[in-house]
PDB file of N, CA and C in Angstrom:
ATOM      1  N   MET A   1      27.876  13.979  74.877  1.00  0.00           N
ATOM      2  CA  MET A   1      28.259  14.011  73.251  1.00  0.00           C
ATOM      3  C   MET A   1      27.891  15.320  72.868  1.00  0.00           C
ATOM      4  N   PRO A   2      28.629  16.170  72.208  1.00  0.00           N
ATOM      5  CA  PRO A   2      28.219  17.562  71.409  1.00  0.00           C
ATOM      6  C   PRO A   2      27.315  17.262  70.327  1.00  0.00           C
ATOM      7  N   LEU A   3      26.361  17.843  69.986  1.00  0.00           N
ATOM      8  CA  LEU A   3      25.476  18.036  69.108  1.00  0.00           C
ATOM      9  C   LEU A   3      25.966  18.326  68.016  1.00  0.00           C
ATOM     10  N   THR A   4      25.982  17.882  66.702  1.00  0.00           N
ATOM     11  CA  THR A   4      26.539  18.265  65.308  1.00  0.00           C
ATOM     12  C   THR A   4      25.899  19.533  64.941  1.00  0.00           C
ATOM     13  N   LEU A   5      26.740  20.422  64.172  1.00  0.00           N
ATOM     14  CA  LEU A   5      25.967  21.364  63.695  1.00  0.00           C
ATOM     15  C   LEU A   5      24.849  21.400  62.868  1.00  0.00           C
ATOM     16  N   GLU A   6      24.796  20.277  62.025  1.00  0.00           N
ATOM     17  CA  GLU A   6      23.708  19.673  61.410  1.00  0.00           C
ATOM     18  C   GLU A   6      22.538  19.665  62.061  1.00  0.00           C
ATOM     19  N   TYR A   7      22.603  18.797  63.066  1.00  0.00           N
ATOM     20  CA  TYR A   7      21.420  18.515  64.105  1.00  0.00           C
ATOM     21  C   TYR A   7      20.730  19.763  64.772  1.00  0.00           C
ATOM     22  N   ARG A   8      21.832  20.665  64.885  1.00  0.00           N
ATOM     23  CA  ARG A   8      21.307  22.227  65.374  1.00  0.00           C
ATOM     24  C   ARG A   8      20.652  22.687  64.708  1.00  0.00           C
ATOM     25  N   TYR A   9      21.144  22.895  63.097  1.00  0.00           N
ATOM     26  CA  TYR A   9      20.102  23.436  62.076  1.00  0.00           C
ATOM     27  C   TYR A   9      18.865  23.018  61.956  1.00  0.00           C
ATOM     28  N   GLN A  10      19.062  21.719  61.866  1.00  0.00           N
ATOM     29  CA  GLN A  10      17.763  20.629  61.802  1.00  0.00           C
ATOM     30  C   GLN A  10      16.490  21.158  62.924  1.00  0.00           C
ATOM     31  N   LYS A  11      16.896  21.386  64.223  1.00  0.00           N
ATOM     32  CA  LYS A  11      16.307  21.520  65.037  1.00  0.00           C
ATOM     33  C   LYS A  11      15.587  23.257  64.823  1.00  0.00           C
ATOM     34  N   LYS A  12      16.423  23.914  64.691  1.00  0.00           N
ATOM     35  CA  LYS A  12      16.283  25.265  64.410  1.00  0.00           C
ATOM     36  C   LYS A  12      15.248  25.279  63.395  1.00  0.00           C
ATOM     37  N   PHE A  13      15.259  24.636  62.298  1.00  0.00           N
ATOM     38  CA  PHE A  13      14.413  24.746  60.978  1.00  0.00           C
ATOM     39  C   PHE A  13      13.009  24.118  61.430  1.00  0.00           C
ATOM     40  N   ILE A  14      13.169  22.888  62.249  1.00  0.00           N
ATOM     41  CA  ILE A  14      11.966  22.500  62.697  1.00  0.00           C
ATOM     42  C   ILE A  14      10.930  23.450  63.489  1.00  0.00           C
ATOM     43  N   LEU A  15      11.646  23.814  64.580  1.00  0.00           N
ATOM     44  CA  LEU A  15      11.308  25.101  65.304  1.00  0.00           C
ATOM     45  C   LEU A  15      10.692  26.133  64.731  1.00  0.00           C
ATOM     46  N   HIS A  16      11.243  26.880  63.546  1.00  0.00           N
ATOM     47  CA  HIS A  16      10.831  28.115  62.982  1.00  0.00           C
ATOM     48  C   HIS A  16       9.895  27.388  62.051  1.00  0.00           C
ATOM     49  N   TRP A  17       9.856  26.378  61.475  1.00  0.00           N
ATOM     50  CA  TRP A  17       8.923  26.055  60.412  1.00  0.00           C
ATOM     51  C   TRP A  17       7.381  25.899  61.324  1.00  0.00           C
ATOM     52  N   GLY A  18       7.516  25.390  62.522  1.00  0.00           N
ATOM     53  CA  GLY A  18       6.009  25.316  63.366  1.00  0.00           C
ATOM     54  C   GLY A  18       5.777  26.500  63.667  1.00  0.00           C
ATOM     55  N   GLU A  19       6.735  27.718  63.971  1.00  0.00           N
ATOM     56  CA  GLU A  19       6.127  28.984  63.970  1.00  0.00           C
ATOM     57  C   GLU A  19       5.387  29.551  62.835  1.00  0.00           C
ATOM     58  N   MET A  20       6.102  29.396  61.716  1.00  0.00           N
ATOM     59  CA  MET A  20       5.610  29.690  60.433  1.00  0.00           C
ATOM     60  C   MET A  20       4.098  29.241  60.270  1.00  0.00           C
ATOM     61  N   GLY A  21       4.062  27.794  60.386  1.00  0.00           N
ATOM     62  CA  GLY A  21       2.827  27.212  60.315  1.00  0.00           C
ATOM     63  C   GLY A  21       1.842  27.826  61.002  1.00  0.00           C
ATOM     64  N   ASN A  22       2.327  28.230  62.282  1.00  0.00           N
ATOM     65  CA  ASN A  22       0.922  28.768  63.092  1.00  0.00           C
ATOM     66  C   ASN A  22       0.474  29.883  62.713  1.00  0.00           C
ATOM     67  N   ALA A  23       1.711  30.515  62.192  1.00  0.00           N
ATOM     68  CA  ALA A  23       1.129  31.993  61.580  1.00  0.00           C
ATOM     69  C   ALA A  23       0.360  31.859  60.425  1.00  0.00           C
ATOM     70  N   TRP A  24       0.411  30.878  59.694  1.00  0.00           N
ATOM     71  CA  TRP A  24      -0.456  30.668  58.590  1.00  0.00           C
ATOM     72  C   TRP A  24      -1.635  29.773  58.621  1.00  0.00           C
ATOM     73  N   GLY A  25      -1.969  29.620  60.078  1.00  0.00           N
ATOM     74  CA  GLY A  25      -3.095  29.028  60.356  1.00  0.00           C
ATOM     75  C   GLY A  25      -3.197  27.311  60.543  1.00  0.00           C
ATOM     76  N   ILE A  26      -1.902  26.874  60.484  1.00  0.00           N
ATOM     77  CA  ILE A  26      -1.556  25.160  60.543  1.00  0.00           C
ATOM     78  C   ILE A  26      -1.294  25.074  61.942  1.00  0.00           C
ATOM     79  N   ASN A  27      -1.997  23.962  62.056  1.00  0.00           N
ATOM     80  CA  ASN A  27      -1.444  23.580  63.797  1.00  0.00           C
ATOM     81  C   ASN A  27       0.245  23.463  63.896  1.00  0.00           C
ATOM     82  N   ARG A  28       0.781  24.079  64.822  1.00  0.00           N
ATOM     83  CA  ARG A  28       2.139  24.099  64.984  1.00  0.00           C
ATOM     84  C   ARG A  28       2.698  22.623  65.116  1.00  0.00           C
ATOM     85  N   THR A  29       2.264  21.755  65.749  1.00  0.00           N
ATOM     86  CA  THR A  29       2.551  20.265  65.704  1.00  0.00           C
ATOM     87  C   THR A  29       2.711  19.619  64.277  1.00  0.00           C
ATOM     88  N   VAL A  30       1.537  19.926  63.574  1.00  0.00           N
ATOM     89  CA  VAL A  30       1.530  19.340  62.000  1.00  0.00           C
ATOM     90  C   VAL A  30       2.677  19.973  61.379  1.00  0.00           C
ATOM     91  N   ALA A  31       2.922  21.260  61.366  1.00  0.00           N
ATOM     92  CA  ALA A  31       3.963  22.080  60.654  1.00  0.00           C
ATOM     93  C   ALA A  31       5.311  21.284  61.023  1.00  0.00           C
ATOM     94  N   GLN A  32       5.536  21.423  62.245  1.00  0.00           N
ATOM     95  CA  GLN A  32       6.458  20.675  62.836  1.00  0.00           C
ATOM     96  C   GLN A  32       7.084  19.279  62.201  1.00  0.00           C
ATOM     97  N   VAL A  33       5.998  18.357  62.395  1.00  0.00           N
ATOM     98  CA  VAL A  33       6.076  17.021  61.769  1.00  0.00           C
ATOM     99  C   VAL A  33       6.247  16.938  60.248  1.00  0.00           C
ATOM    100  N   HIS A  34       5.756  18.310  59.314  1.00  0.00           N
ATOM    101  CA  HIS A  34       6.246  18.293  58.161  1.00  0.00           C
ATOM    102  C   HIS A  34       7.780  18.597  57.831  1.00  0.00           C
ATOM    103  N   ALA A  35       8.252  19.555  58.652  1.00  0.00           N
ATOM    104  CA  ALA A  35       9.519  20.047  58.892  1.00  0.00           C
ATOM    105  C   ALA A  35      10.664  18.525  58.765  1.00  0.00           C
ATOM    106  N   LEU A  36      10.264  18.001  59.841  1.00  0.00           N
ATOM    107  CA  LEU A  36      10.875  16.672  60.612  1.00  0.00           C
ATOM    108  C   LEU A  36      10.823  15.899  59.163  1.00  0.00           C
ATOM    109  N   LEU A  37       9.850  15.482  58.559  1.00  0.00           N
ATOM    110  CA  LEU A  37       9.654  14.684  57.490  1.00  0.00           C
ATOM    111  C   LEU A  37      10.656  15.170  56.338  1.00  0.00           C
ATOM    112  N   PHE A  38      10.454  16.640  56.373  1.00  0.00           N
ATOM    113  CA  PHE A  38      11.076  17.079  54.799  1.00  0.00           C
ATOM    114  C   PHE A  38      12.899  17.056  55.045  1.00  0.00           C
ATOM    115  N   VAL A  39      13.349  17.040  56.365  1.00  0.00           N
ATOM    116  CA  VAL A  39      14.614  17.057  56.889  1.00  0.00           C
ATOM    117  C   VAL A  39      15.165  15.565  56.816  1.00  0.00           C
ATOM    118  N   SER A  40      14.477  14.770  57.197  1.00  0.00           N
ATOM    119  CA  SER A  40      14.848  13.067  57.476  1.00  0.00           C
ATOM    120  C   SER A  40      15.140  12.524  56.197  1.00  0.00           C
ATOM    121  N   PRO A  41      16.290  12.031  56.263  1.00  0.00           N
ATOM    122  CA  PRO A  41      16.852  11.113  55.198  1.00  0.00           C
ATOM    123  C   PRO A  41      16.092   9.666  55.053  1.00  0.00           C
ATOM    124  N   LYS A  42      15.114   9.395  55.731  1.00  0.00           N
ATOM    125  CA  LYS A  42      14.451   8.061  55.936  1.00  0.00           C
ATOM    126  C   LYS A  42      13.166   8.221  56.157  1.00  0.00           C
ATOM    127  N   PRO A  43      12.272   7.379  56.020  1.00  0.00           N
ATOM    128  CA  PRO A  43      10.819   7.341  56.513  1.00  0.00           C
ATOM    129  C   PRO A  43      10.692   7.227  57.951  1.00  0.00           C
ATOM    130  N   LEU A  44       9.990   7.720  58.681  1.00  0.00           N
ATOM    131  CA  LEU A  44       9.702   7.772  60.031  1.00  0.00           C
ATOM    132  C   LEU A  44       8.408   7.095  60.390  1.00  0.00           C
ATOM    133  N   TYR A  45       8.613   6.473  61.290  1.00  0.00           N
ATOM    134  CA  TYR A  45       7.506   5.824  61.981  1.00  0.00           C
ATOM    135  C   TYR A  45       6.686   6.810  63.061  1.00  0.00           C
ATOM    136  N   ALA A  46       5.491   6.745  63.315  1.00  0.00           N
ATOM    137  CA  ALA A  46       4.901   7.797  64.018  1.00  0.00           C
ATOM    138  C   ALA A  46       5.446   7.743  65.506  1.00  0.00           C
ATOM    139  N   GLU A  47       5.997   6.856  65.769  1.00  0.00           N
ATOM    140  CA  GLU A  47       6.598   6.838  67.072  1.00  0.00           C
ATOM    141  C   GLU A  47       8.018   7.424  67.293  1.00  0.00           C
ATOM    142  N   GLU A  48       8.695   7.550  66.027  1.00  0.00           N
ATOM    143  CA  GLU A  48       9.637   8.216  65.814  1.00  0.00           C
ATOM    144  C   GLU A  48       9.427   9.720  65.799  1.00  0.00           C
ATOM    145  N   ILE A  49       8.776   9.835  65.158  1.00  0.00           N
ATOM    146  CA  ILE A  49       8.295  11.629  65.273  1.00  0.00           C
ATOM    147  C   ILE A  49       7.957  11.813  66.468  1.00  0.00           C
ATOM    148  N   GLN A  50       7.128  11.265  67.163  1.00  0.00           N
ATOM    149  CA  GLN A  50       6.258  11.405  68.375  1.00  0.00           C
ATOM    150  C   GLN A  50       7.826  11.878  69.621  1.00  0.00           C
ATOM    151  N   ASN A  51       8.822  10.869  69.460  1.00  0.00           N
ATOM    152  CA  ASN A  51       9.870  10.861  70.188  1.00  0.00           C
ATOM    153  C   ASN A  51      10.766  12.121  69.972  1.00  0.00           C
ATOM    154  N   THR A  52      11.044  12.383  68.468  1.00  0.00           N
ATOM    155  CA  THR A  52      11.960  13.069  68.415  1.00  0.00           C
ATOM    156  C   THR A  52      11.466  14.667  68.571  1.00  0.00           C
ATOM    157  N   LEU A  53      10.073  14.952  68.241  1.00  0.00           N
ATOM    158  CA  LEU A  53       9.462  16.255  68.709  1.00  0.00           C
ATOM    159  C   LEU A  53       9.074  16.324  69.962  1.00  0.00           C
ATOM    160  N   ALA A  54       8.942  15.238  70.686  1.00  0.00           N
ATOM    161  CA  ALA A  54       8.530  15.333  72.047  1.00  0.00           C
ATOM    162  C   ALA A  54       6.981  15.770  72.120  1.00  0.00           C
ATOM    163  N   VAL A  55       6.429  15.186  71.106  1.00  0.00           N
ATOM    164  CA  VAL A  55       4.942  15.118  71.246  1.00  0.00           C
ATOM    165  C   VAL A  55       3.978  14.178  71.976  1.00  0.00           C
ATOM    166  N   ALA A  56       3.140  14.690  72.759  1.00  0.00           N
ATOM    167  CA  ALA A  56       2.522  13.641  73.626  1.00  0.00           C
ATOM    168  C   ALA A  56       1.490  12.994  72.502  1.00  0.00           C
ATOM    169  N   ARG A  57       1.246  11.592  72.775  1.00  0.00           N
ATOM    170  CA  ARG A  57       0.346  10.770  72.222  1.00  0.00           C
ATOM    171  C   ARG A  57      -0.773  11.298  71.922  1.00  0.00           C
ATOM    172  N   SER A  58      -1.363  12.069  72.896  1.00  0.00           N
ATOM    173  CA  SER A  58      -3.035  12.501  72.810  1.00  0.00           C
ATOM    174  C   SER A  58      -2.933  13.354  72.033  1.00  0.00           C
ATOM    175  N   ASN A  59      -1.622  14.379  71.826  1.00  0.00           N
ATOM    176  CA  ASN A  59      -1.772  15.101  70.545  1.00  0.00           C
ATOM    177  C   ASN A  59      -1.655  14.755  69.310  1.00  0.00           C
ATOM    178  N   ARG A  60      -0.710  13.806  68.938  1.00  0.00           N
ATOM    179  CA  ARG A  60      -0.813  13.025  67.725  1.00  0.00           C
ATOM    180  C   ARG A  60      -1.649  12.458  67.522  1.00  0.00           C
ATOM    181  N   GLU A  61      -2.579  11.912  68.401  1.00  0.00           N
ATOM    182  CA  GLU A  61      -3.945  11.023  67.950  1.00  0.00           C
ATOM    183  C   GLU A  61      -5.036  12.256  67.654  1.00  0.00           C
ATOM    184  N   HIS A  62      -4.937  13.456  68.044  1.00  0.00           N
ATOM    185  CA  HIS A  62      -6.045  14.106  67.563  1.00  0.00           C
ATOM    186  C   HIS A  62      -5.699  15.119  66.230  1.00  0.00           C
ATOM    187  N   GLN A  63      -4.488  14.785  65.898  1.00  0.00           N
ATOM    188  CA  GLN A  63      -4.308  15.413  64.411  1.00  0.00           C
ATOM    189  C   GLN A  63      -5.013  14.688  63.317  1.00  0.00           C
ATOM    190  N   PRO A  64      -5.571  15.409  62.398  1.00  0.00           N
ATOM    191  CA  PRO A  64      -5.979  14.782  61.107  1.00  0.00           C
ATOM    192  C   PRO A  64      -4.942  13.627  60.503  1.00  0.00           C
ATOM    193  N   PRO A  65      -5.195  12.486  60.666  1.00  0.00           N
ATOM    194  CA  PRO A  65      -4.200  11.299  60.117  1.00  0.00           C
ATOM    195  C   PRO A  65      -3.889  11.455  58.596  1.00  0.00           C
ATOM    196  N   LEU A  66      -4.805  12.064  57.740  1.00  0.00           N
ATOM    197  CA  LEU A  66      -5.005  11.646  56.279  1.00  0.00           C
ATOM    198  C   LEU A  66      -4.120  13.274  56.102  1.00  0.00           C
ATOM    199  N   SER A  67      -4.095  14.271  56.607  1.00  0.00           N
ATOM    200  CA  SER A  67      -3.672  15.417  55.995  1.00  0.00           C
ATOM    201  C   SER A  67      -2.499  15.942  55.335  1.00  0.00           C
ATOM    202  N   GLY A  68      -1.632  14.887  55.741  1.00  0.00           N
ATOM    203  CA  GLY A  68      -0.440  14.739  55.050  1.00  0.00           C
ATOM    204  C   GLY A  68      -0.242  14.290  53.665  1.00  0.00           C
ATOM    205  N   ARG A  69      -1.095  12.985  53.865  1.00  0.00           N
ATOM    206  CA  ARG A  69      -1.362  12.118  52.525  1.00  0.00           C
ATOM    207  C   ARG A  69      -2.239  13.113  51.696  1.00  0.00           C
ATOM    208  N   ALA A  70      -3.266  13.969  52.093  1.00  0.00           N
ATOM    209  CA  ALA A  70      -4.004  14.578  51.261  1.00  0.00           C
ATOM    210  C   ALA A  70      -3.466  15.827  50.504  1.00  0.00           C
ATOM    211  N   TRP A  71      -2.310  16.544  51.419  1.00  0.00           N
ATOM    212  CA  TRP A  71      -1.437  17.526  50.691  1.00  0.00           C
ATOM    213  C   TRP A  71      -0.400  16.952  50.060  1.00  0.00           C
ATOM    214  N   GLY A  72      -0.140  15.606  50.001  1.00  0.00           N
ATOM    215  CA  GLY A  72       1.043  15.210  48.927  1.00  0.00           C
ATOM    216  C   GLY A  72       2.379  15.444  49.516  1.00  0.00           C
ATOM    217  N   ILE A  73       2.597  15.687  50.958  1.00  0.00           N
ATOM    218  CA  ILE A  73       3.841  15.250  51.401  1.00  0.00           C
ATOM    219  C   ILE A  73       4.188  14.389  52.436  1.00  0.00           C
ATOM    220  N   VAL A  74       3.160  13.369  52.594  1.00  0.00           N
ATOM    221  CA  VAL A  74       3.539  12.131  53.084  1.00  0.00           C
ATOM    222  C   VAL A  74       2.810  10.953  52.214  1.00  0.00           C
ATOM    223  N   ARG A  75       3.483   9.924  52.266  1.00  0.00           N
ATOM    224  CA  ARG A  75       2.884   8.666  51.596  1.00  0.00           C
ATOM    225  C   ARG A  75       3.252   7.537  52.519  1.00  0.00           C
ATOM    226  N   VAL A  76       2.406   6.403  52.513  1.00  0.00           N
ATOM    227  CA  VAL A  76       2.689   5.201  52.862  1.00  0.00           C
ATOM    228  C   VAL A  76       3.595   4.249  52.585  1.00  0.00           C
ATOM    229  N   VAL A  77       4.754   3.938  53.320  1.00  0.00           N
ATOM    230  CA  VAL A  77       5.539   2.957  52.372  1.00  0.00           C
ATOM    231  C   VAL A  77       5.582   1.700  53.305  1.00  0.00           C
ATOM    232  N   ALA A  78       5.390   0.811  52.730  1.00  0.00           N
ATOM    233  CA  ALA A  78       5.252  -0.845  53.310  1.00  0.00           C
ATOM    234  C   ALA A  78       6.878  -1.240  53.772  1.00  0.00           C
ATOM    235  N   ARG A  79       7.056  -1.663  54.837  1.00  0.00           N
ATOM    236  CA  ARG A  79       8.765  -1.904  55.297  1.00  0.00           C
ATOM    237  C   ARG A  79       8.266  -3.197  55.915  1.00  0.00           C
ATOM    238  N   ALA A  80       9.212  -4.288  55.541  1.00  0.00           N
ATOM    239  CA  ALA A  80       9.313  -5.591  56.255  1.00  0.00           C
ATOM    240  C   ALA A  80       9.481  -5.332  57.472  1.00  0.00           C
ATOM    241  N   GLY A  81       9.043  -6.172  58.627  1.00  0.00           N
ATOM    242  CA  GLY A  81       9.454  -6.081  60.188  1.00  0.00           C
ATOM    243  C   GLY A  81       8.743  -5.501  60.920  1.00  0.00           C
TER     244      GLY A  81
END
């Protein structure tokens, strides 16, 4: 199945945002998570982020868990199920 143009641009944006974050002194993975959440049309679970970005679970667990909330870019959303 061919990838859509939108998906390819989103992937490029996420990769470039990670590079820019790294240049700003922000962990590359944290910057990529920020970019993914920015372009996502819906809230994402940690496992969805991990799978989408191909981030190792150990890397995900070493990131400061509250940094996104402290920066005002992430909020907790309660969902049924």
